[in-house]
C-alpha atoms as a PDB file:
ATOM      1  CA  MET A   1     137.213 110.234  81.432  1.00  0.00           C
ATOM      2  CA  ASN A   2     135.804 112.693  78.888  1.00  0.00           C
ATOM      3  CA  ASP A   3     135.048 109.749  76.573  1.00  0.00           C
ATOM      4  CA  VAL A   4     133.202 107.923  79.368  1.00  0.00           C
ATOM      5  CA  LEU A   5     131.149 111.019  80.229  1.00  0.00           C
ATOM      6  CA  GLU A   6     130.291 111.515  76.552  1.00  0.00           C
ATOM      7  CA  PHE A   7     129.296 107.843  76.223  1.00  0.00           C
ATOM      8  CA  GLN A   8     127.068 108.186  79.295  1.00  0.00           C
ATOM      9  CA  GLU A   9     125.417 111.338  77.955  1.00  0.00           C
ATOM     10  CA  LYS A  10     124.612 109.826  74.547  1.00  0.00           C
ATOM     11  CA  SER A  11     123.326 106.593  76.100  1.00  0.00           C
ATOM     12  CA  ILE A  12     121.054 108.378  78.613  1.00  0.00           C
ATOM     13  CA  GLU A  13     119.753 110.558  75.782  1.00  0.00           C
ATOM     14  CA  GLN A  14     118.765 107.438  73.813  1.00  0.00           C
ATOM     15  CA  GLN A  15     116.980 105.976  76.848  1.00  0.00           C
ATOM     16  CA  PHE A  16     114.974 109.147  77.418  1.00  0.00           C
ATOM     17  CA  LYS A  17     113.907 109.698  73.803  1.00  0.00           C
ATOM     18  CA  LYS A  18     110.582 107.904  74.322  1.00  0.00           C
ATOM     19  CA  VAL A  19     110.051 108.668  78.009  1.00  0.00           C
ATOM     20  CA  GLY A  20     108.729 112.185  77.435  1.00  0.00           C
ATOM     21  CA  ARG A  21     109.298 115.353  79.441  1.00  0.00           C
ATOM     22  CA  LYS A  22     107.273 115.975  82.568  1.00  0.00           C
ATOM     23  CA  LYS A  23     107.542 117.684  85.936  1.00  0.00           C
ATOM     24  CA  THR A  24     109.589 115.440  88.193  1.00  0.00           C
ATOM     25  CA  ILE A  25     111.063 115.398  91.690  1.00  0.00           C
ATOM     26  CA  LEU A  26     114.795 114.655  91.707  1.00  0.00           C
ATOM     27  CA  ALA A  27     117.338 113.701  94.349  1.00  0.00           C
ATOM     28  CA  ILE A  28     121.104 114.225  94.367  1.00  0.00           C
ATOM     29  CA  ASP A  29     123.285 111.978  96.488  1.00  0.00           C
ATOM     30  CA  TYR A  30     126.712 110.371  96.794  1.00  0.00           C
ATOM     31  CA  HIS A  31     127.375 106.663  96.450  1.00  0.00           C
ATOM     32  CA  GLU A  32     130.471 104.848  97.713  1.00  0.00           C
ATOM     33  CA  ARG A  33     131.928 101.690  96.208  1.00  0.00           C
ATOM     34  CA  GLU A  34     134.307  99.696  98.380  1.00  0.00           C
ATOM     35  CA  TYR A  35     137.950  99.603  97.266  1.00  0.00           C
ATOM     36  CA  TYR A  36     140.332  96.902  98.541  1.00  0.00           C
ATOM     37  CA  GLY A  37     143.486  98.002  96.727  1.00  0.00           C
ATOM     38  CA  ASP A  38     146.176 100.499  97.707  1.00  0.00           C
ATOM     39  CA  LYS A  39     144.688 103.492  99.523  1.00  0.00           C
ATOM     40  CA  ASN A  40     147.176 105.723  97.664  1.00  0.00           C
ATOM     41  CA  ASP A  41     145.723 104.815  94.261  1.00  0.00           C
ATOM     42  CA  LEU A  42     144.184 107.597  92.172  1.00  0.00           C
ATOM     43  CA  TRP A  43     140.770 108.974  93.297  1.00  0.00           C
ATOM     44  CA  VAL A  44     140.533 106.708  96.355  1.00  0.00           C
ATOM     45  CA  ILE A  45     138.694 108.425  99.237  1.00  0.00           C
ATOM     46  CA  GLY A  46     138.592 107.494 102.918  1.00  0.00           C
ATOM     47  CA  GLY A  47     135.348 106.983 104.808  1.00  0.00           C
ATOM     48  CA  LYS A  48     133.573 105.013 107.532  1.00  0.00           C
ATOM     49  CA  HIS A  49     134.486 101.333 107.815  1.00  0.00           C
ATOM     50  CA  LYS A  50     132.209  99.254 105.593  1.00  0.00           C
ATOM     51  CA  ASN A  51     132.442  95.654 104.357  1.00  0.00           C
ATOM     52  CA  GLY A  52     136.050  95.248 105.441  1.00  0.00           C
ATOM     53  CA  THR A  53     137.506  98.531 104.162  1.00  0.00           C
ATOM     54  CA  CYS A  54     137.693 102.259 104.878  1.00  0.00           C
ATOM     55  CA  TRP A  55     138.553 103.201 101.274  1.00  0.00           C
ATOM     56  CA  PHE A  56     136.161 103.890  98.421  1.00  0.00           C
ATOM     57  CA  HIS A  57     135.570 105.222  94.941  1.00  0.00           C
ATOM     58  CA  LYS A  58     132.819 107.816  95.229  1.00  0.00           C
ATOM     59  CA  TYR A  59     130.196 108.867  92.655  1.00  0.00           C
ATOM     60  CA  ALA A  60     127.460 111.498  92.650  1.00  0.00           C
ATOM     61  CA  THR A  61     124.151 110.843  90.867  1.00  0.00           C
ATOM     62  CA  ILE A  62     120.927 112.683  90.157  1.00  0.00           C
ATOM     63  CA  GLU A  63     117.829 110.485  89.979  1.00  0.00           C
ATOM     64  CA  ILE A  64     114.066 110.638  89.517  1.00  0.00           C
ATOM     65  CA  VAL A  65     112.261 109.795  92.773  1.00  0.00           C
ATOM     66  CA  SER A  66     108.775 111.103  92.066  1.00  0.00           C
ATOM     67  CA  GLU A  67     107.158 108.129  90.322  1.00  0.00           C
ATOM     68  CA  ARG A  68     107.554 104.509  89.188  1.00  0.00           C
ATOM     69  CA  LYS A  69     110.228 105.514  86.689  1.00  0.00           C
ATOM     70  CA  ARG A  70     113.039 105.855  89.250  1.00  0.00           C
ATOM     71  CA  LEU A  71     115.639 106.473  86.570  1.00  0.00           C
ATOM     72  CA  THR A  72     119.198 107.740  86.900  1.00  0.00           C
ATOM     73  CA  LEU A  73     119.811 110.853  84.838  1.00  0.00           C
ATOM     74  CA  PHE A  74     123.564 111.276  85.213  1.00  0.00           C
ATOM     75  CA  ALA A  75     126.570 110.300  87.339  1.00  0.00           C
ATOM     76  CA  LEU A  76     129.860 112.030  88.088  1.00  0.00           C
ATOM     77  CA  PRO A  77     133.094 110.641  89.566  1.00  0.00           C
ATOM     78  CA  ILE A  78     134.409 112.184  92.790  1.00  0.00           C
ATOM     79  CA  PRO A  79     136.994 113.768  93.283  1.00  0.00           C
ATOM     80  CA  VAL A  80     137.178 114.727  89.587  1.00  0.00           C
ATOM     81  CA  PHE A  81     134.206 116.997  90.342  1.00  0.00           C
ATOM     82  CA  SER A  82     135.120 117.606  93.964  1.00  0.00           C
ATOM     83  CA  ASN A  83     133.341 120.833  94.931  1.00  0.00           C
ATOM     84  CA  PRO A  84     129.699 120.218  95.952  1.00  0.00           C
ATOM     85  CA  GLU A  85     128.553 123.337  94.092  1.00  0.00           C
ATOM     86  CA  ASN A  86     130.281 122.137  90.910  1.00  0.00           C
ATOM     87  CA  VAL A  87     128.686 118.687  91.271  1.00  0.00           C
ATOM     88  CA  VAL A  88     125.207 120.194  91.756  1.00  0.00           C
ATOM     89  CA  LYS A  89     125.592 122.576  88.817  1.00  0.00           C
ATOM     90  CA  VAL A  90     126.702 119.895  86.343  1.00  0.00           C
ATOM     91  CA  LEU A  91     124.071 117.356  87.471  1.00  0.00           C
ATOM     92  CA  ILE A  92     121.195 119.852  87.255  1.00  0.00           C
ATOM     93  CA  GLU A  93     122.312 121.101  83.841  1.00  0.00           C
ATOM     94  CA  ARG A  94     122.349 117.509  82.567  1.00  0.00           C
ATOM     95  CA  ALA A  95     118.967 116.692  84.139  1.00  0.00           C
ATOM     96  CA  LYS A  96     117.322 119.699  82.497  1.00  0.00           C
ATOM     97  CA  ARG A  97     117.989 118.120  79.105  1.00  0.00           C
ATOM     98  CA  TYR A  98     115.571 115.287  79.866  1.00  0.00           C
ATOM     99  CA  VAL A  99     113.002 116.478  82.433  1.00  0.00           C
ATOM    100  CA  ASP A 100     111.286 119.579  83.789  1.00  0.00           C
ATOM    101  CA  ILE A 101     112.412 119.884  87.410  1.00  0.00           C
ATOM    102  CA  GLU A 102     109.685 120.290  90.013  1.00  0.00           C
ATOM    103  CA  LEU A 103     111.947 119.928  93.056  1.00  0.00           C
ATOM    104  CA  VAL A 104     115.517 118.852  93.903  1.00  0.00           C
ATOM    105  CA  MET A 105     116.206 117.177  97.267  1.00  0.00           C
ATOM    106  CA  LEU A 106     119.661 117.006  98.841  1.00  0.00           C
ATOM    107  CA  ASP A 107     121.076 115.808 102.152  1.00  0.00           C
ATOM    108  CA  ARG A 108     122.903 117.907 104.739  1.00  0.00           C
ATOM    109  CA  TRP A 109     126.315 117.268 103.114  1.00  0.00           C
ATOM    110  CA  PHE A 110     125.348 119.768 100.385  1.00  0.00           C
ATOM    111  CA  PHE A 111     124.231 122.476 102.828  1.00  0.00           C
ATOM    112  CA  SER A 112     126.255 125.600 102.043  1.00  0.00           C
ATOM    113  CA  GLY A 113     125.677 129.084 100.719  1.00  0.00           C
ATOM    114  CA  HIS A 114     127.629 128.225  97.553  1.00  0.00           C
ATOM    115  CA  VAL A 115     125.371 125.262  96.698  1.00  0.00           C
ATOM    116  CA  ILE A 116     122.233 127.300  97.427  1.00  0.00           C
ATOM    117  CA  ARG A 117     123.535 130.066  95.177  1.00  0.00           C
ATOM    118  CA  ILE A 118     123.886 127.548  92.331  1.00  0.00           C
ATOM    119  CA  LEU A 119     120.347 126.245  92.953  1.00  0.00           C
ATOM    120  CA  ASN A 120     118.972 129.784  92.884  1.00  0.00           C
ATOM    121  CA  GLU A 121     120.905 130.560  89.690  1.00  0.00           C
ATOM    122  CA  GLN A 122     119.504 127.412  88.068  1.00  0.00           C
ATOM    123  CA  LYS A 123     116.008 128.569  89.115  1.00  0.00           C
ATOM    124  CA  VAL A 124     114.979 125.242  90.628  1.00  0.00           C
ATOM    125  CA  ASP A 125     113.062 124.659  93.856  1.00  0.00           C
ATOM    126  CA  PHE A 126     115.063 122.734  96.450  1.00  0.00           C
ATOM    127  CA  LEU A 127     114.701 121.048  99.819  1.00  0.00           C
ATOM    128  CA  MET A 128     117.597 119.946 102.000  1.00  0.00           C
ATOM    129  CA  VAL A 129     118.354 119.288 105.651  1.00  0.00           C
ATOM    130  CA  ALA A 130     120.226 122.240 107.180  1.00  0.00           C
ATOM    131  CA  LYS A 131     123.324 121.758 109.308  1.00  0.00           C
ATOM    132  CA  ASN A 132     123.286 123.030 112.873  1.00  0.00           C
ATOM    133  CA  THR A 133     125.925 125.733 112.487  1.00  0.00           C
ATOM    134  CA  PRO A 134     126.557 127.834 115.640  1.00  0.00           C
ATOM    135  CA  LYS A 135     124.391 130.643 114.240  1.00  0.00           C
ATOM    136  CA  ILE A 136     121.519 128.365 113.155  1.00  0.00           C
ATOM    137  CA  TRP A 137     121.666 126.309 116.354  1.00  0.00           C
ATOM    138  CA  LYS A 138     120.617 129.362 118.383  1.00  0.00           C
ATOM    139  CA  LEU A 139     117.434 129.891 116.330  1.00  0.00           C
ATOM    140  CA  ASN A 140     114.147 128.526 117.668  1.00  0.00           C
ATOM    141  CA  GLN A 141     111.757 129.731 114.965  1.00  0.00           C
ATOM    142  CA  SER A 142     111.626 129.731 111.163  1.00  0.00           C
ATOM    143  CA  VAL A 143     113.260 132.536 109.188  1.00  0.00           C
ATOM    144  CA  TYR A 144     111.942 133.366 105.720  1.00  0.00           C
ATOM    145  CA  GLY A 145     114.603 135.051 103.628  1.00  0.00           C
ATOM    146  CA  TYR A 146     117.524 133.768 105.730  1.00  0.00           C
ATOM    147  CA  GLU A 147     120.876 134.836 104.238  1.00  0.00           C
ATOM    148  CA  MET A 148     124.086 132.800 104.254  1.00  0.00           C
ATOM    149  CA  ASN A 149     127.153 133.699 102.172  1.00  0.00           C
ATOM    150  CA  LYS A 150     125.013 136.161 100.177  1.00  0.00           C
ATOM    151  CA  SER A 151     122.521 133.392  99.297  1.00  0.00           C
ATOM    152  CA  LYS A 152     118.904 133.675 100.450  1.00  0.00           C
ATOM    153  CA  PHE A 153     116.567 130.800 101.321  1.00  0.00           C
ATOM    154  CA  ASN A 154     113.815 129.884 103.774  1.00  0.00           C
ATOM    155  CA  LEU A 155     115.091 128.293 106.980  1.00  0.00           C
ATOM    156  CA  ILE A 156     112.190 126.246 108.347  1.00  0.00           C
ATOM    157  CA  ILE A 157     112.467 124.951 111.918  1.00  0.00           C
ATOM    158  CA  LYS A 158     110.223 122.214 113.299  1.00  0.00           C
ATOM    159  CA  ARG A 159     111.176 120.576 116.586  1.00  0.00           C
ATOM    160  CA  ASN A 160     114.740 119.284 116.183  1.00  0.00           C
ATOM    161  CA  ARG A 161     114.761 119.339 112.366  1.00  0.00           C
ATOM    162  CA  LYS A 162     115.840 122.337 110.313  1.00  0.00           C
ATOM    163  CA  TRP A 163     115.151 122.650 106.598  1.00  0.00           C
ATOM    164  CA  ALA A 164     116.746 124.869 103.951  1.00  0.00           C
ATOM    165  CA  THR A 165     114.340 125.389 101.072  1.00  0.00           C
ATOM    166  CA  SER A 166     112.954 127.702  98.433  1.00  0.00           C
ATOM    167  CA  LEU A 167     109.441 126.415  99.220  1.00  0.00           C
ATOM    168  CA  GLY A 168     106.852 128.049 101.421  1.00  0.00           C
ATOM    169  CA  TYR A 169     104.890 124.946 102.465  1.00  0.00           C
ATOM    170  CA  LEU A 170     103.799 124.212 106.003  1.00  0.00           C
ATOM    171  CA  PRO A 171     106.575 122.413 107.917  1.00  0.00           C
ATOM    172  CA  GLU A 172     104.404 119.286 108.348  1.00  0.00           C
ATOM    173  CA  LYS A 173     104.699 118.598 104.620  1.00  0.00           C
ATOM    174  CA  PHE A 174     108.504 118.658 104.457  1.00  0.00           C
ATOM    175  CA  SER A 175     109.109 115.306 106.156  1.00  0.00           C
ATOM    176  CA  LYS A 176     106.560 113.598 103.891  1.00  0.00           C
ATOM    177  CA  ILE A 177     108.133 115.057 100.743  1.00  0.00           C
ATOM    178  CA  TYR A 178     111.712 114.400 101.874  1.00  0.00           C
ATOM    179  CA  ARG A 179     110.923 110.741 102.549  1.00  0.00           C
ATOM    180  CA  ARG A 180     110.931 110.208  98.799  1.00  0.00           C
ATOM    181  CA  ARG A 181     114.668 110.928  98.768  1.00  0.00           C
ATOM    182  CA  TRP A 182     115.266 107.494 100.287  1.00  0.00           C
ATOM    183  CA  ARG A 183     114.154 105.962  96.990  1.00  0.00           C
ATOM    184  CA  ILE A 184     117.605 106.849  95.693  1.00  0.00           C
ATOM    185  CA  GLU A 185     119.085 104.500  98.328  1.00  0.00           C
ATOM    186  CA  THR A 186     116.774 101.708  97.124  1.00  0.00           C
ATOM    187  CA  GLY A 187     117.995 102.403  93.603  1.00  0.00           C
ATOM    188  CA  TYR A 188     121.629 101.979  94.688  1.00  0.00           C
ATOM    189  CA  LYS A 189     120.823  98.559  96.165  1.00  0.00           C
ATOM    190  CA  LYS A 190     119.175  97.457  92.910  1.00  0.00           C
ATOM    191  CA  LYS A 191     122.070  98.767  90.815  1.00  0.00           C
ATOM    192  CA  LYS A 192     124.358  96.372  92.653  1.00  0.00           C
ATOM    193  CA  ASP A 193     122.421  93.522  90.999  1.00  0.00           C
ATOM    194  CA  PHE A 194     124.101  94.679  87.764  1.00  0.00           C
ATOM    195  CA  LYS A 195     127.520  95.230  89.322  1.00  0.00           C
ATOM    196  CA  ILE A 196     130.513  94.329  87.161  1.00  0.00           C
ATOM    197  CA  LYS A 197     133.214  92.780  89.338  1.00  0.00           C
ATOM    198  CA  THR A 198     136.768  93.839  88.618  1.00  0.00           C
ATOM    199  CA  ARG A 199     140.232  94.038  90.165  1.00  0.00           C
ATOM    200  CA  THR A 200     141.447  96.887  88.001  1.00  0.00           C
ATOM    201  CA  ARG A 201     143.050  99.835  89.782  1.00  0.00           C
ATOM    202  CA  ASN A 202     142.173 102.172  86.911  1.00  0.00           C
ATOM    203  CA  PRO A 203     139.496 104.597  88.232  1.00  0.00           C
ATOM    204  CA  VAL A 204     138.302 105.498  84.720  1.00  0.00           C
ATOM    205  CA  ILE A 205     137.487 101.863  83.949  1.00  0.00           C
ATOM    206  CA  ARG A 206     135.765 101.506  87.315  1.00  0.00           C
ATOM    207  CA  PHE A 207     133.609 104.560  86.609  1.00  0.00           C
ATOM    208  CA  PHE A 208     132.830 103.211  83.115  1.00  0.00           C
ATOM    209  CA  PHE A 209     131.582  99.983  84.712  1.00  0.00           C
ATOM    210  CA  PHE A 210     129.411 102.057  87.081  1.00  0.00           C
ATOM    211  CA  VAL A 211     127.929 103.889  84.073  1.00  0.00           C
ATOM    212  CA  VAL A 212     127.128 100.564  82.341  1.00  0.00           C
ATOM    213  CA  GLU A 213     125.516  99.451  85.588  1.00  0.00           C
ATOM    214  CA  ILE A 214     123.311 102.583  85.540  1.00  0.00           C
ATOM    215  CA  LEU A 215     122.294 101.975  81.933  1.00  0.00           C
ATOM    216  CA  MET A 216     121.295  98.361  82.638  1.00  0.00           C
ATOM    217  CA  TYR A 217     119.365  99.477  85.725  1.00  0.00           C
ATOM    218  CA  ASN A 218     117.503 102.103  83.640  1.00  0.00           C
ATOM    219  CA  CYS A 219     116.675  99.473  81.012  1.00  0.00           C
ATOM    220  CA  TRP A 220     115.245  97.235  83.740  1.00  0.00           C
ATOM    221  CA  ILE A 221     113.024 100.068  85.038  1.00  0.00           C
ATOM    222  CA  LEU A 222     111.838 100.990  81.523  1.00  0.00           C
ATOM    223  CA  MET A 223     111.195  97.357  80.578  1.00  0.00           C
ATOM    224  CA  GLY A 224     108.993  97.007  83.656  1.00  0.00           C
ATOM    225  CA  LEU A 225     106.647  99.562  82.076  1.00  0.00           C
ATOM    226  CA  LEU A 226     106.055  97.304  79.037  1.00  0.00           C
ATOM    227  CA  PRO A 227     103.896  94.383  80.264  1.00  0.00           C
ATOM    228  CA  SER A 228     103.178  93.064  76.740  1.00  0.00           C
ATOM    229  CA  VAL A 229     106.902  92.656  76.004  1.00  0.00           C
ATOM    230  CA  ILE A 230     107.495  91.019  79.385  1.00  0.00           C
ATOM    231  CA  GLN A 231     104.694  88.518  78.770  1.00  0.00           C
ATOM    232  CA  GLU A 232     106.053  87.686  75.303  1.00  0.00           C
ATOM    233  CA  TYR A 233     109.553  86.846  76.569  1.00  0.00           C
ATOM    234  CA  CYS A 234     108.936  85.743  80.140  1.00  0.00           C
ATOM    235  CA  GLY A 235     105.333  84.584  80.395  1.00  0.00           C
ATOM    236  CA  LYS A 236     103.012  85.899  83.074  1.00  0.00           C
ATOM    237  CA  LEU A 237     104.935  87.517  85.907  1.00  0.00           C
ATOM    238  CA  LYS A 238     103.772  89.497  88.917  1.00  0.00           C
ATOM    239  CA  ARG A 239     106.841  91.680  88.522  1.00  0.00           C
ATOM    240  CA  LEU A 240     110.034  91.719  86.491  1.00  0.00           C
ATOM    241  CA  THR A 241     112.902  91.011  88.890  1.00  0.00           C
ATOM    242  CA  THR A 242     116.480  91.992  88.089  1.00  0.00           C
ATOM    243  CA  ARG A 243     117.439  88.292  87.948  1.00  0.00           C
ATOM    244  CA  VAL A 244     114.771  87.471  85.344  1.00  0.00           C
ATOM    245  CA  PHE A 245     115.603  90.620  83.368  1.00  0.00           C
ATOM    246  CA  LYS A 246     119.300  89.740  83.215  1.00  0.00           C
ATOM    247  CA  LEU A 247     118.552  86.164  82.165  1.00  0.00           C
ATOM    248  CA  LYS A 248     115.827  86.806  79.573  1.00  0.00           C
ATOM    249  CA  PHE A 249     116.862  90.156  78.084  1.00  0.00           C
ATOM    250  CA  LEU A 250     120.634  90.430  78.674  1.00  0.00           C
ATOM    251  CA  GLY A 251     121.578  86.770  78.568  1.00  0.00           C
ATOM    252  CA  ILE A 252     123.410  87.012  81.902  1.00  0.00           C
ATOM    253  CA  PRO A 253     122.925  83.975  84.169  1.00  0.00           C
END
């Protein structure tokens, strides 16, 4: 696994050499891949029934969602990095090598004082949906400087939605900003166009294939920013689809 993580790090570094650093909005999320083997195999996690199975291999990724370059910066296998705070810390540390972080968005699964403490220690602005704990459920107005497990943040309440954030914007802006987080879900759908099918039960090999998938997806995004190269190899196109990219640039039918 250490070799796979090192391979991923060096490959992502090569992809970002010519992208340039800039302020970017990032999203952290989990992604499940269906597993149809023995549920007792290593690193197999249970979940909601999906596509004929309740068992999955799970990965966490951090991705750019602020612009056309919706690139993946790093991925981690779960449960190797099982604690949410550990996942967030490693992903943010890796992302800082390539971009300047303007904001990190997370879903309610990451809502805890431990995760918020890590975000504060990393000195990054964050926005996440807060869980309705018994104490928070009773609140009917925003609390600036709310404290949970010795971690301070702004708890913004608007109608039925509660936000945990380091920002001080008006509540009306939060929904508009947070909508960008769904771009990470679109990215997962596109990554499946590069999916490597396998029957191996080895979770390290499966994660390696997921990393290769990420690298090919990033190449597709970056190639879409080079219209002169696209025209040379593909002729005039309105947009570079994943199918055309695989055929013309990767030689995959």
